[in-house]
């Protein structure tokens, strides 16, 4: 394993490693204005939502690694502490990238990128009409992390008004994740696109308490077939299945056929049971998988 001391890396090397490793990162397309009303639009991938009550997003207009200058976004926010955080989808990613060009102060990136400004309702900066979600925010605080090249400036932006395009909503008025077509930032020139094909769910242990991987029998924890993800699925169950439930499940035709075919061959039986369990886990039939694994 490569181990690196941060103190021995150049700022460019450090930025490269971090941006490739800590990814994907959501993109904040921030619109701001200066005290004279000049508009700026710029994307930031050092961004996320950090609080729900109060609703606060944080993004960081870092100092330039090359020449240590500060972003126009930061300068504007210090003059007019308001912004709109526009969420980026695939349809505008090229225009968003174009808006990141270091144009001279006073140049309107809406015009350069071809994106459409729409007047906000509560704050001075305009929204991006094409963005699927637009968050009108007031800036509560700006925290400087230093005055050297690459140093960040954490902008704590409290969300006051949320605008959501109708086409990304489901029948209940909630955001349909599959309809968002979001993009995220990786290292270098790399991005990723979140499509329905690569979306998946992981059952969250919200109210229940999973038994944990340590509660699984040794043979399951050390399986040559099951992955760490599979063990995590099993450990998220609330309890081991009862013996009578396992006996009933043994009568399932496919399971009975497997057991009958491996009578007297314990090694083959264990392998086939683990393969069957993995199949069930891949189908998210977790309780059934654990019953199969506990059969002898």
C-alpha atoms as a PDB file:
ATOM      1  CA  UNK A   1       0.000   0.000   0.000  1.00  0.00           C
ATOM      2  CA  UNK A   2       1.260   3.466  -0.913  1.00  0.00           C
ATOM      3  CA  UNK A   3       1.517   5.730   2.139  1.00  0.00           C
ATOM      4  CA  UNK A   4       2.122   9.437   1.636  1.00  0.00           C
ATOM      5  CA  UNK A   5       3.127  12.167   4.063  1.00  0.00           C
ATOM      6  CA  UNK A   6       1.134  15.265   3.261  1.00  0.00           C
ATOM      7  CA  UNK A   7       4.081  17.432   4.284  1.00  0.00           C
ATOM      8  CA  UNK A   8       6.188  15.873   1.501  1.00  0.00           C
ATOM      9  CA  UNK A   9       3.664  16.471  -1.295  1.00  0.00           C
ATOM     10  CA  UNK A  10       3.311  19.552  -3.454  1.00  0.00           C
ATOM     11  CA  UNK A  11      -0.060  21.300  -3.403  1.00  0.00           C
ATOM     12  CA  UNK A  12      -0.712  20.039  -6.950  1.00  0.00           C
ATOM     13  CA  UNK A  13       0.086  16.438  -5.974  1.00  0.00           C
ATOM     14  CA  UNK A  14      -2.087  16.645  -2.864  1.00  0.00           C
ATOM     15  CA  UNK A  15      -4.993  18.121  -4.811  1.00  0.00           C
ATOM     16  CA  UNK A  16      -4.708  15.351  -7.403  1.00  0.00           C
ATOM     17  CA  UNK A  17      -4.754  12.542  -4.845  1.00  0.00           C
ATOM     18  CA  UNK A  18      -7.628  14.016  -2.821  1.00  0.00           C
ATOM     19  CA  UNK A  19      -9.837  14.874  -5.794  1.00  0.00           C
ATOM     20  CA  UNK A  20      -9.489  11.373  -7.234  1.00  0.00           C
ATOM     21  CA  UNK A  21      -9.961   9.612  -3.881  1.00  0.00           C
ATOM     22  CA  UNK A  22     -12.741  11.641  -2.276  1.00  0.00           C
ATOM     23  CA  UNK A  23     -15.309  11.193  -5.013  1.00  0.00           C
ATOM     24  CA  UNK A  24     -17.897  11.433  -6.407  1.00  0.00           C
ATOM     25  CA  UNK A  25     -18.675  14.922  -5.131  1.00  0.00           C
ATOM     26  CA  UNK A  26     -21.983  16.724  -5.809  1.00  0.00           C
ATOM     27  CA  UNK A  27     -21.660  19.987  -7.705  1.00  0.00           C
ATOM     28  CA  UNK A  28     -22.914  23.314  -6.425  1.00  0.00           C
ATOM     29  CA  UNK A  29     -23.479  25.833  -9.208  1.00  0.00           C
ATOM     30  CA  UNK A  30     -23.513  29.033  -7.146  1.00  0.00           C
ATOM     31  CA  UNK A  31     -24.886  32.323  -8.381  1.00  0.00           C
ATOM     32  CA  UNK A  32     -23.917  35.499  -6.512  1.00  0.00           C
ATOM     33  CA  UNK A  33     -23.891  39.268  -7.002  1.00  0.00           C
ATOM     34  CA  UNK A  34     -21.511  41.990  -5.862  1.00  0.00           C
ATOM     35  CA  UNK A  35     -22.522  45.258  -4.214  1.00  0.00           C
ATOM     36  CA  UNK A  36     -23.027  46.855  -7.650  1.00  0.00           C
ATOM     37  CA  UNK A  37     -25.327  44.067  -8.799  1.00  0.00           C
ATOM     38  CA  UNK A  38     -22.855  42.328 -11.121  1.00  0.00           C
ATOM     39  CA  UNK A  39     -23.740  38.630 -11.424  1.00  0.00           C
ATOM     40  CA  UNK A  40     -21.310  35.723 -11.082  1.00  0.00           C
ATOM     41  CA  UNK A  41     -21.940  32.030 -11.701  1.00  0.00           C
ATOM     42  CA  UNK A  42     -19.432  29.344 -10.745  1.00  0.00           C
ATOM     43  CA  UNK A  43     -19.412  25.619  -9.880  1.00  0.00           C
ATOM     44  CA  UNK A  44     -17.900  24.046  -6.758  1.00  0.00           C
ATOM     45  CA  UNK A  45     -17.495  20.355  -5.971  1.00  0.00           C
ATOM     46  CA  UNK A  46     -16.371  20.975  -2.391  1.00  0.00           C
ATOM     47  CA  UNK A  47     -20.054  21.058  -1.483  1.00  0.00           C
ATOM     48  CA  UNK A  48     -22.749  19.237   0.451  1.00  0.00           C
ATOM     49  CA  UNK A  49     -25.744  19.658   2.756  1.00  0.00           C
ATOM     50  CA  UNK A  50     -24.642  19.644   6.394  1.00  0.00           C
ATOM     51  CA  UNK A  51     -27.782  20.329   8.407  1.00  0.00           C
ATOM     52  CA  UNK A  52     -31.548  19.927   8.093  1.00  0.00           C
ATOM     53  CA  UNK A  53     -32.675  22.057  11.029  1.00  0.00           C
ATOM     54  CA  UNK A  54     -31.633  24.699  10.207  1.00  0.00           C
ATOM     55  CA  UNK A  55     -31.218  23.662   6.551  1.00  0.00           C
ATOM     56  CA  UNK A  56     -27.617  24.563   5.730  1.00  0.00           C
ATOM     57  CA  UNK A  57     -25.445  23.836   2.713  1.00  0.00           C
ATOM     58  CA  UNK A  58     -21.699  24.326   2.820  1.00  0.00           C
ATOM     59  CA  UNK A  59     -19.459  24.946  -0.160  1.00  0.00           C
ATOM     60  CA  UNK A  60     -15.884  26.122  -0.404  1.00  0.00           C
ATOM     61  CA  UNK A  61     -14.504  28.655  -2.894  1.00  0.00           C
ATOM     62  CA  UNK A  62     -10.877  27.722  -2.345  1.00  0.00           C
ATOM     63  CA  UNK A  63      -7.923  29.968  -3.092  1.00  0.00           C
ATOM     64  CA  UNK A  64      -6.269  29.190  -6.393  1.00  0.00           C
ATOM     65  CA  UNK A  65      -3.578  26.537  -6.124  1.00  0.00           C
ATOM     66  CA  UNK A  66      -1.637  28.279  -8.897  1.00  0.00           C
ATOM     67  CA  UNK A  67      -1.600  31.922  -7.812  1.00  0.00           C
ATOM     68  CA  UNK A  68      -3.476  32.110  -4.480  1.00  0.00           C
ATOM     69  CA  UNK A  69      -6.158  34.493  -5.747  1.00  0.00           C
ATOM     70  CA  UNK A  70      -9.677  34.278  -4.295  1.00  0.00           C
ATOM     71  CA  UNK A  71     -12.789  33.459  -6.315  1.00  0.00           C
ATOM     72  CA  UNK A  72     -15.187  36.174  -7.432  1.00  0.00           C
ATOM     73  CA  UNK A  73     -17.885  34.094  -5.719  1.00  0.00           C
ATOM     74  CA  UNK A  74     -16.177  34.590  -2.374  1.00  0.00           C
ATOM     75  CA  UNK A  75     -15.628  38.293  -2.984  1.00  0.00           C
ATOM     76  CA  UNK A  76     -19.309  38.727  -3.875  1.00  0.00           C
ATOM     77  CA  UNK A  77     -20.571  36.824  -0.840  1.00  0.00           C
ATOM     78  CA  UNK A  78     -18.492  39.010   1.457  1.00  0.00           C
ATOM     79  CA  UNK A  79     -20.213  42.028  -0.104  1.00  0.00           C
ATOM     80  CA  UNK A  80     -23.731  40.582  -0.500  1.00  0.00           C
ATOM     81  CA  UNK A  81     -24.198  37.545   1.788  1.00  0.00           C
ATOM     82  CA  UNK A  82     -26.690  35.727  -0.400  1.00  0.00           C
ATOM     83  CA  UNK A  83     -26.488  33.014  -3.055  1.00  0.00           C
ATOM     84  CA  UNK A  84     -28.475  30.514  -5.047  1.00  0.00           C
ATOM     85  CA  UNK A  85     -27.232  26.939  -5.083  1.00  0.00           C
ATOM     86  CA  UNK A  86     -28.290  25.349  -8.361  1.00  0.00           C
ATOM     87  CA  UNK A  87     -28.096  21.562  -8.595  1.00  0.00           C
ATOM     88  CA  UNK A  88     -26.350  20.212 -11.692  1.00  0.00           C
ATOM     89  CA  UNK A  89     -27.758  17.492 -13.943  1.00  0.00           C
ATOM     90  CA  UNK A  90     -26.380  15.887 -17.093  1.00  0.00           C
ATOM     91  CA  UNK A  91     -28.205  18.227 -19.471  1.00  0.00           C
ATOM     92  CA  UNK A  92     -26.167  21.255 -18.336  1.00  0.00           C
ATOM     93  CA  UNK A  93     -22.825  19.729 -17.293  1.00  0.00           C
ATOM     94  CA  UNK A  94     -20.875  21.137 -20.246  1.00  0.00           C
ATOM     95  CA  UNK A  95     -22.266  24.629 -19.666  1.00  0.00           C
ATOM     96  CA  UNK A  96     -21.506  24.315 -15.974  1.00  0.00           C
ATOM     97  CA  UNK A  97     -17.912  23.423 -16.790  1.00  0.00           C
ATOM     98  CA  UNK A  98     -17.683  26.439 -19.076  1.00  0.00           C
ATOM     99  CA  UNK A  99     -18.873  28.703 -16.262  1.00  0.00           C
ATOM    100  CA  UNK A 100     -15.794  27.679 -14.236  1.00  0.00           C
ATOM    101  CA  UNK A 101     -13.475  29.592 -16.584  1.00  0.00           C
ATOM    102  CA  UNK A 102     -11.621  32.375 -14.766  1.00  0.00           C
ATOM    103  CA  UNK A 103     -13.206  35.251 -16.645  1.00  0.00           C
ATOM    104  CA  UNK A 104     -12.307  38.787 -15.498  1.00  0.00           C
ATOM    105  CA  UNK A 105     -14.379  40.266 -12.689  1.00  0.00           C
ATOM    106  CA  UNK A 106     -17.598  41.749 -13.978  1.00  0.00           C
ATOM    107  CA  UNK A 107     -18.059  39.165 -16.737  1.00  0.00           C
ATOM    108  CA  UNK A 108     -21.443  37.449 -16.419  1.00  0.00           C
ATOM    109  CA  UNK A 109     -20.966  33.671 -16.650  1.00  0.00           C
ATOM    110  CA  UNK A 110     -24.674  33.245 -17.397  1.00  0.00           C
ATOM    111  CA  UNK A 111     -23.995  34.902 -20.730  1.00  0.00           C
ATOM    112  CA  UNK A 112     -20.723  33.041 -21.348  1.00  0.00           C
ATOM    113  CA  UNK A 113     -22.223  29.624 -20.533  1.00  0.00           C
ATOM    114  CA  UNK A 114     -25.559  30.221 -22.236  1.00  0.00           C
ATOM    115  CA  UNK A 115     -27.501  29.349 -19.088  1.00  0.00           C
ATOM    116  CA  UNK A 116     -30.702  31.269 -18.362  1.00  0.00           C
ATOM    117  CA  UNK A 117     -31.025  33.580 -15.334  1.00  0.00           C
ATOM    118  CA  UNK A 118     -34.375  33.701 -13.538  1.00  0.00           C
ATOM    119  CA  UNK A 119     -35.157  36.241 -10.842  1.00  0.00           C
ATOM    120  CA  UNK A 120     -35.143  34.823  -7.330  1.00  0.00           C
ATOM    121  CA  UNK A 121     -37.966  35.524  -4.910  1.00  0.00           C
ATOM    122  CA  UNK A 122     -36.082  36.147  -1.653  1.00  0.00           C
ATOM    123  CA  UNK A 123     -32.457  36.869  -2.580  1.00  0.00           C
ATOM    124  CA  UNK A 124     -30.671  39.121  -5.063  1.00  0.00           C
ATOM    125  CA  UNK A 125     -28.688  36.545  -7.121  1.00  0.00           C
ATOM    126  CA  UNK A 126     -30.660  34.959  -9.977  1.00  0.00           C
ATOM    127  CA  UNK A 127     -31.430  31.269 -10.268  1.00  0.00           C
ATOM    128  CA  UNK A 128     -30.397  28.988 -13.150  1.00  0.00           C
ATOM    129  CA  UNK A 129     -33.596  28.194 -15.053  1.00  0.00           C
ATOM    130  CA  UNK A 130     -32.235  24.899 -16.416  1.00  0.00           C
ATOM    131  CA  UNK A 131     -31.240  23.478 -12.989  1.00  0.00           C
ATOM    132  CA  UNK A 132     -33.626  20.790 -11.690  1.00  0.00           C
ATOM    133  CA  UNK A 133     -33.387  22.138  -8.133  1.00  0.00           C
ATOM    134  CA  UNK A 134     -32.582  25.700  -7.072  1.00  0.00           C
ATOM    135  CA  UNK A 135     -31.940  26.708  -3.451  1.00  0.00           C
ATOM    136  CA  UNK A 136     -32.242  30.352  -2.461  1.00  0.00           C
ATOM    137  CA  UNK A 137     -29.900  30.933   0.470  1.00  0.00           C
ATOM    138  CA  UNK A 138     -28.659  33.573   2.865  1.00  0.00           C
ATOM    139  CA  UNK A 139     -25.042  33.242   3.977  1.00  0.00           C
ATOM    140  CA  UNK A 140     -24.747  32.936   7.746  1.00  0.00           C
ATOM    141  CA  UNK A 141     -20.974  32.662   7.982  1.00  0.00           C
ATOM    142  CA  UNK A 142     -17.772  32.388   5.977  1.00  0.00           C
ATOM    143  CA  UNK A 143     -14.944  30.480   7.642  1.00  0.00           C
ATOM    144  CA  UNK A 144     -11.483  31.001   6.206  1.00  0.00           C
ATOM    145  CA  UNK A 145      -9.229  27.938   6.442  1.00  0.00           C
ATOM    146  CA  UNK A 146      -6.062  29.835   5.620  1.00  0.00           C
ATOM    147  CA  UNK A 147      -4.403  32.361   3.343  1.00  0.00           C
ATOM    148  CA  UNK A 148      -2.140  30.007   1.374  1.00  0.00           C
ATOM    149  CA  UNK A 149      -2.710  28.482  -2.089  1.00  0.00           C
ATOM    150  CA  UNK A 150      -5.457  25.851  -1.994  1.00  0.00           C
ATOM    151  CA  UNK A 151      -6.910  27.046   1.316  1.00  0.00           C
ATOM    152  CA  UNK A 152     -10.678  26.766   1.498  1.00  0.00           C
ATOM    153  CA  UNK A 153     -13.331  29.225   2.602  1.00  0.00           C
ATOM    154  CA  UNK A 154     -16.351  27.470   4.052  1.00  0.00           C
ATOM    155  CA  UNK A 155     -19.551  29.257   3.074  1.00  0.00           C
ATOM    156  CA  UNK A 156     -22.415  28.311   5.392  1.00  0.00           C
ATOM    157  CA  UNK A 157     -25.532  28.985   3.337  1.00  0.00           C
ATOM    158  CA  UNK A 158     -28.936  28.650   4.991  1.00  0.00           C
ATOM    159  CA  UNK A 159     -31.653  27.523   2.595  1.00  0.00           C
ATOM    160  CA  UNK A 160     -34.702  29.779   2.635  1.00  0.00           C
ATOM    161  CA  UNK A 161     -36.611  28.712  -0.476  1.00  0.00           C
ATOM    162  CA  UNK A 162     -36.492  25.542  -2.600  1.00  0.00           C
ATOM    163  CA  UNK A 163     -37.537  25.399  -6.261  1.00  0.00           C
ATOM    164  CA  UNK A 164     -37.960  21.958  -7.902  1.00  0.00           C
ATOM    165  CA  UNK A 165     -38.759  21.244 -11.550  1.00  0.00           C
ATOM    166  CA  UNK A 166     -41.985  19.287 -12.039  1.00  0.00           C
ATOM    167  CA  UNK A 167     -40.355  16.692 -14.291  1.00  0.00           C
ATOM    168  CA  UNK A 168     -38.224  15.268 -11.459  1.00  0.00           C
ATOM    169  CA  UNK A 169     -41.171  14.784  -9.081  1.00  0.00           C
ATOM    170  CA  UNK A 170     -43.184  11.617  -8.535  1.00  0.00           C
ATOM    171  CA  UNK A 171     -46.962  11.364  -8.122  1.00  0.00           C
ATOM    172  CA  UNK A 172     -46.652  12.276  -4.430  1.00  0.00           C
ATOM    173  CA  UNK A 173     -44.688  15.454  -5.077  1.00  0.00           C
ATOM    174  CA  UNK A 174     -41.394  13.965  -3.882  1.00  0.00           C
ATOM    175  CA  UNK A 175     -38.152  13.933  -5.847  1.00  0.00           C
ATOM    176  CA  UNK A 176     -37.816  10.750  -7.907  1.00  0.00           C
ATOM    177  CA  UNK A 177     -34.118   9.882  -7.682  1.00  0.00           C
ATOM    178  CA  UNK A 178     -34.164   8.095 -11.020  1.00  0.00           C
ATOM    179  CA  UNK A 179     -35.475  11.207 -12.784  1.00  0.00           C
ATOM    180  CA  UNK A 180     -32.783  13.584 -11.504  1.00  0.00           C
ATOM    181  CA  UNK A 181     -29.999  12.441 -13.881  1.00  0.00           C
ATOM    182  CA  UNK A 182     -27.419  13.996 -11.589  1.00  0.00           C
ATOM    183  CA  UNK A 183     -23.725  14.324 -12.312  1.00  0.00           C
ATOM    184  CA  UNK A 184     -20.858  14.424  -9.834  1.00  0.00           C
ATOM    185  CA  UNK A 185     -17.227  15.454  -9.897  1.00  0.00           C
ATOM    186  CA  UNK A 186     -14.281  13.077  -9.752  1.00  0.00           C
ATOM    187  CA  UNK A 187     -10.566  13.775 -10.184  1.00  0.00           C
ATOM    188  CA  UNK A 188      -8.990  15.591 -13.124  1.00  0.00           C
ATOM    189  CA  UNK A 189     -11.414  15.875 -16.051  1.00  0.00           C
ATOM    190  CA  UNK A 190     -13.556  12.994 -14.816  1.00  0.00           C
ATOM    191  CA  UNK A 191     -17.262  13.164 -13.940  1.00  0.00           C
ATOM    192  CA  UNK A 192     -19.884  10.490 -13.345  1.00  0.00           C
ATOM    193  CA  UNK A 193     -23.546  10.334 -14.281  1.00  0.00           C
ATOM    194  CA  UNK A 194     -26.159   8.912 -11.912  1.00  0.00           C
ATOM    195  CA  UNK A 195     -28.621   7.047 -14.107  1.00  0.00           C
ATOM    196  CA  UNK A 196     -31.331   4.538 -13.266  1.00  0.00           C
ATOM    197  CA  UNK A 197     -29.046   1.731 -14.449  1.00  0.00           C
ATOM    198  CA  UNK A 198     -26.484   2.393 -11.716  1.00  0.00           C
ATOM    199  CA  UNK A 199     -28.863   3.274  -8.879  1.00  0.00           C
ATOM    200  CA  UNK A 200     -29.293   0.738  -6.089  1.00  0.00           C
ATOM    201  CA  UNK A 201     -30.788   0.661  -2.619  1.00  0.00           C
ATOM    202  CA  UNK A 202     -29.240  -0.363   0.690  1.00  0.00           C
ATOM    203  CA  UNK A 203     -31.668  -1.148   3.501  1.00  0.00           C
ATOM    204  CA  UNK A 204     -31.066   1.371   6.287  1.00  0.00           C
ATOM    205  CA  UNK A 205     -31.269   0.223   9.920  1.00  0.00           C
ATOM    206  CA  UNK A 206     -33.356   3.236  10.949  1.00  0.00           C
ATOM    207  CA  UNK A 207     -35.433   1.955  13.858  1.00  0.00           C
ATOM    208  CA  UNK A 208     -34.232  -1.606  14.116  1.00  0.00           C
ATOM    209  CA  UNK A 209     -30.914  -2.887  15.430  1.00  0.00           C
ATOM    210  CA  UNK A 210     -29.116  -5.377  13.220  1.00  0.00           C
ATOM    211  CA  UNK A 211     -27.547  -8.463  14.780  1.00  0.00           C
ATOM    212  CA  UNK A 212     -24.154  -7.544  13.308  1.00  0.00           C
ATOM    213  CA  UNK A 213     -21.683  -9.655  11.351  1.00  0.00           C
ATOM    214  CA  UNK A 214     -20.175 -10.885  14.620  1.00  0.00           C
ATOM    215  CA  UNK A 215     -23.429 -12.733  15.419  1.00  0.00           C
ATOM    216  CA  UNK A 216     -23.165 -14.879  12.299  1.00  0.00           C
ATOM    217  CA  UNK A 217     -21.708 -18.380  12.647  1.00  0.00           C
ATOM    218  CA  UNK A 218     -18.003 -18.785  11.891  1.00  0.00           C
ATOM    219  CA  UNK A 219     -18.611 -20.756   8.685  1.00  0.00           C
ATOM    220  CA  UNK A 220     -20.691 -17.887   7.288  1.00  0.00           C
ATOM    221  CA  UNK A 221     -18.263 -15.139   8.316  1.00  0.00           C
ATOM    222  CA  UNK A 222     -15.405 -17.013   6.647  1.00  0.00           C
ATOM    223  CA  UNK A 223     -17.290 -18.089   3.542  1.00  0.00           C
ATOM    224  CA  UNK A 224     -15.288 -18.420   0.334  1.00  0.00           C
ATOM    225  CA  UNK A 225     -18.375 -17.363  -1.634  1.00  0.00           C
ATOM    226  CA  UNK A 226     -19.933 -14.478   0.263  1.00  0.00           C
ATOM    227  CA  UNK A 227     -18.526 -10.968   0.022  1.00  0.00           C
ATOM    228  CA  UNK A 228     -18.199  -8.321   2.701  1.00  0.00           C
ATOM    229  CA  UNK A 229     -21.292  -6.651   1.271  1.00  0.00           C
ATOM    230  CA  UNK A 230     -23.182  -9.942   1.608  1.00  0.00           C
ATOM    231  CA  UNK A 231     -22.160 -10.225   5.252  1.00  0.00           C
ATOM    232  CA  UNK A 232     -23.312  -6.650   5.807  1.00  0.00           C
ATOM    233  CA  UNK A 233     -26.727  -7.560   4.393  1.00  0.00           C
ATOM    234  CA  UNK A 234     -27.005 -10.511   6.741  1.00  0.00           C
ATOM    235  CA  UNK A 235     -25.791  -8.532   9.741  1.00  0.00           C
ATOM    236  CA  UNK A 236     -28.526  -5.969   9.136  1.00  0.00           C
ATOM    237  CA  UNK A 237     -31.242  -8.506  10.007  1.00  0.00           C
ATOM    238  CA  UNK A 238     -32.850  -8.051  13.407  1.00  0.00           C
ATOM    239  CA  UNK A 239     -32.607 -11.713  14.471  1.00  0.00           C
ATOM    240  CA  UNK A 240     -31.476 -15.144  13.402  1.00  0.00           C
ATOM    241  CA  UNK A 241     -34.330 -17.150  11.850  1.00  0.00           C
ATOM    242  CA  UNK A 242     -36.114 -19.665  14.057  1.00  0.00           C
ATOM    243  CA  UNK A 243     -35.344 -23.377  13.626  1.00  0.00           C
ATOM    244  CA  UNK A 244     -38.940 -24.204  12.643  1.00  0.00           C
ATOM    245  CA  UNK A 245     -38.849 -21.549   9.888  1.00  0.00           C
ATOM    246  CA  UNK A 246     -35.665 -23.118   8.516  1.00  0.00           C
ATOM    247  CA  UNK A 247     -37.283 -26.577   8.537  1.00  0.00           C
ATOM    248  CA  UNK A 248     -40.269 -25.263   6.587  1.00  0.00           C
ATOM    249  CA  UNK A 249     -37.992 -23.563   4.042  1.00  0.00           C
ATOM    250  CA  UNK A 250     -36.148 -26.848   3.499  1.00  0.00           C
ATOM    251  CA  UNK A 251     -39.283 -28.097   1.742  1.00  0.00           C
ATOM    252  CA  UNK A 252     -38.968 -25.456  -0.980  1.00  0.00           C
ATOM    253  CA  UNK A 253     -38.519 -27.532  -4.173  1.00  0.00           C
ATOM    254  CA  UNK A 254     -35.239 -25.899  -5.219  1.00  0.00           C
ATOM    255  CA  UNK A 255     -33.761 -26.199  -1.735  1.00  0.00           C
ATOM    256  CA  UNK A 256     -34.961 -29.774  -1.305  1.00  0.00           C
ATOM    257  CA  UNK A 257     -33.389 -30.718  -4.639  1.00  0.00           C
ATOM    258  CA  UNK A 258     -30.073 -29.174  -3.567  1.00  0.00           C
ATOM    259  CA  UNK A 259     -30.105 -30.984  -0.227  1.00  0.00           C
ATOM    260  CA  UNK A 260     -31.041 -34.322  -1.775  1.00  0.00           C
ATOM    261  CA  UNK A 261     -28.281 -34.023  -4.391  1.00  0.00           C
ATOM    262  CA  UNK A 262     -25.592 -33.486  -1.745  1.00  0.00           C
ATOM    263  CA  UNK A 263     -26.490 -36.147   0.810  1.00  0.00           C
ATOM    264  CA  UNK A 264     -23.281 -37.539   2.316  1.00  0.00           C
ATOM    265  CA  UNK A 265     -21.074 -34.827   0.753  1.00  0.00           C
ATOM    266  CA  UNK A 266     -20.881 -32.067   3.361  1.00  0.00           C
ATOM    267  CA  UNK A 267     -18.204 -30.058   1.538  1.00  0.00           C
ATOM    268  CA  UNK A 268     -20.200 -29.840  -1.691  1.00  0.00           C
ATOM    269  CA  UNK A 269     -23.395 -29.168   0.250  1.00  0.00           C
ATOM    270  CA  UNK A 270     -21.844 -26.189   2.064  1.00  0.00           C
ATOM    271  CA  UNK A 271     -20.518 -24.765  -1.187  1.00  0.00           C
ATOM    272  CA  UNK A 272     -23.869 -25.131  -2.962  1.00  0.00           C
ATOM    273  CA  UNK A 273     -25.775 -23.650  -0.014  1.00  0.00           C
ATOM    274  CA  UNK A 274     -23.448 -20.635   0.027  1.00  0.00           C
ATOM    275  CA  UNK A 275     -23.832 -20.181  -3.737  1.00  0.00           C
ATOM    276  CA  UNK A 276     -27.621 -20.374  -3.373  1.00  0.00           C
ATOM    277  CA  UNK A 277     -27.515 -17.876  -0.509  1.00  0.00           C
ATOM    278  CA  UNK A 278     -25.456 -15.469  -2.574  1.00  0.00           C
ATOM    279  CA  UNK A 279     -28.010 -15.695  -5.365  1.00  0.00           C
ATOM    280  CA  UNK A 280     -30.766 -14.849  -2.890  1.00  0.00           C
ATOM    281  CA  UNK A 281     -28.743 -11.963  -1.455  1.00  0.00           C
ATOM    282  CA  UNK A 282     -28.229 -10.549  -4.933  1.00  0.00           C
ATOM    283  CA  UNK A 283     -32.027 -10.638  -5.260  1.00  0.00           C
ATOM    284  CA  UNK A 284     -32.333  -8.886  -1.859  1.00  0.00           C
ATOM    285  CA  UNK A 285     -34.028 -11.939  -0.308  1.00  0.00           C
ATOM    286  CA  UNK A 286     -31.907 -11.641   2.813  1.00  0.00           C
ATOM    287  CA  UNK A 287     -33.941 -13.620   5.330  1.00  0.00           C
ATOM    288  CA  UNK A 288     -34.212 -16.552   2.945  1.00  0.00           C
ATOM    289  CA  UNK A 289     -30.463 -16.391   2.329  1.00  0.00           C
ATOM    290  CA  UNK A 290     -29.706 -16.657   6.022  1.00  0.00           C
ATOM    291  CA  UNK A 291     -32.061 -19.627   6.384  1.00  0.00           C
ATOM    292  CA  UNK A 292     -30.210 -21.378   3.573  1.00  0.00           C
ATOM    293  CA  UNK A 293     -26.853 -20.679   5.213  1.00  0.00           C
ATOM    294  CA  UNK A 294     -28.042 -22.117   8.526  1.00  0.00           C
ATOM    295  CA  UNK A 295     -29.120 -25.431   6.994  1.00  0.00           C
ATOM    296  CA  UNK A 296     -27.009 -28.527   7.585  1.00  0.00           C
END
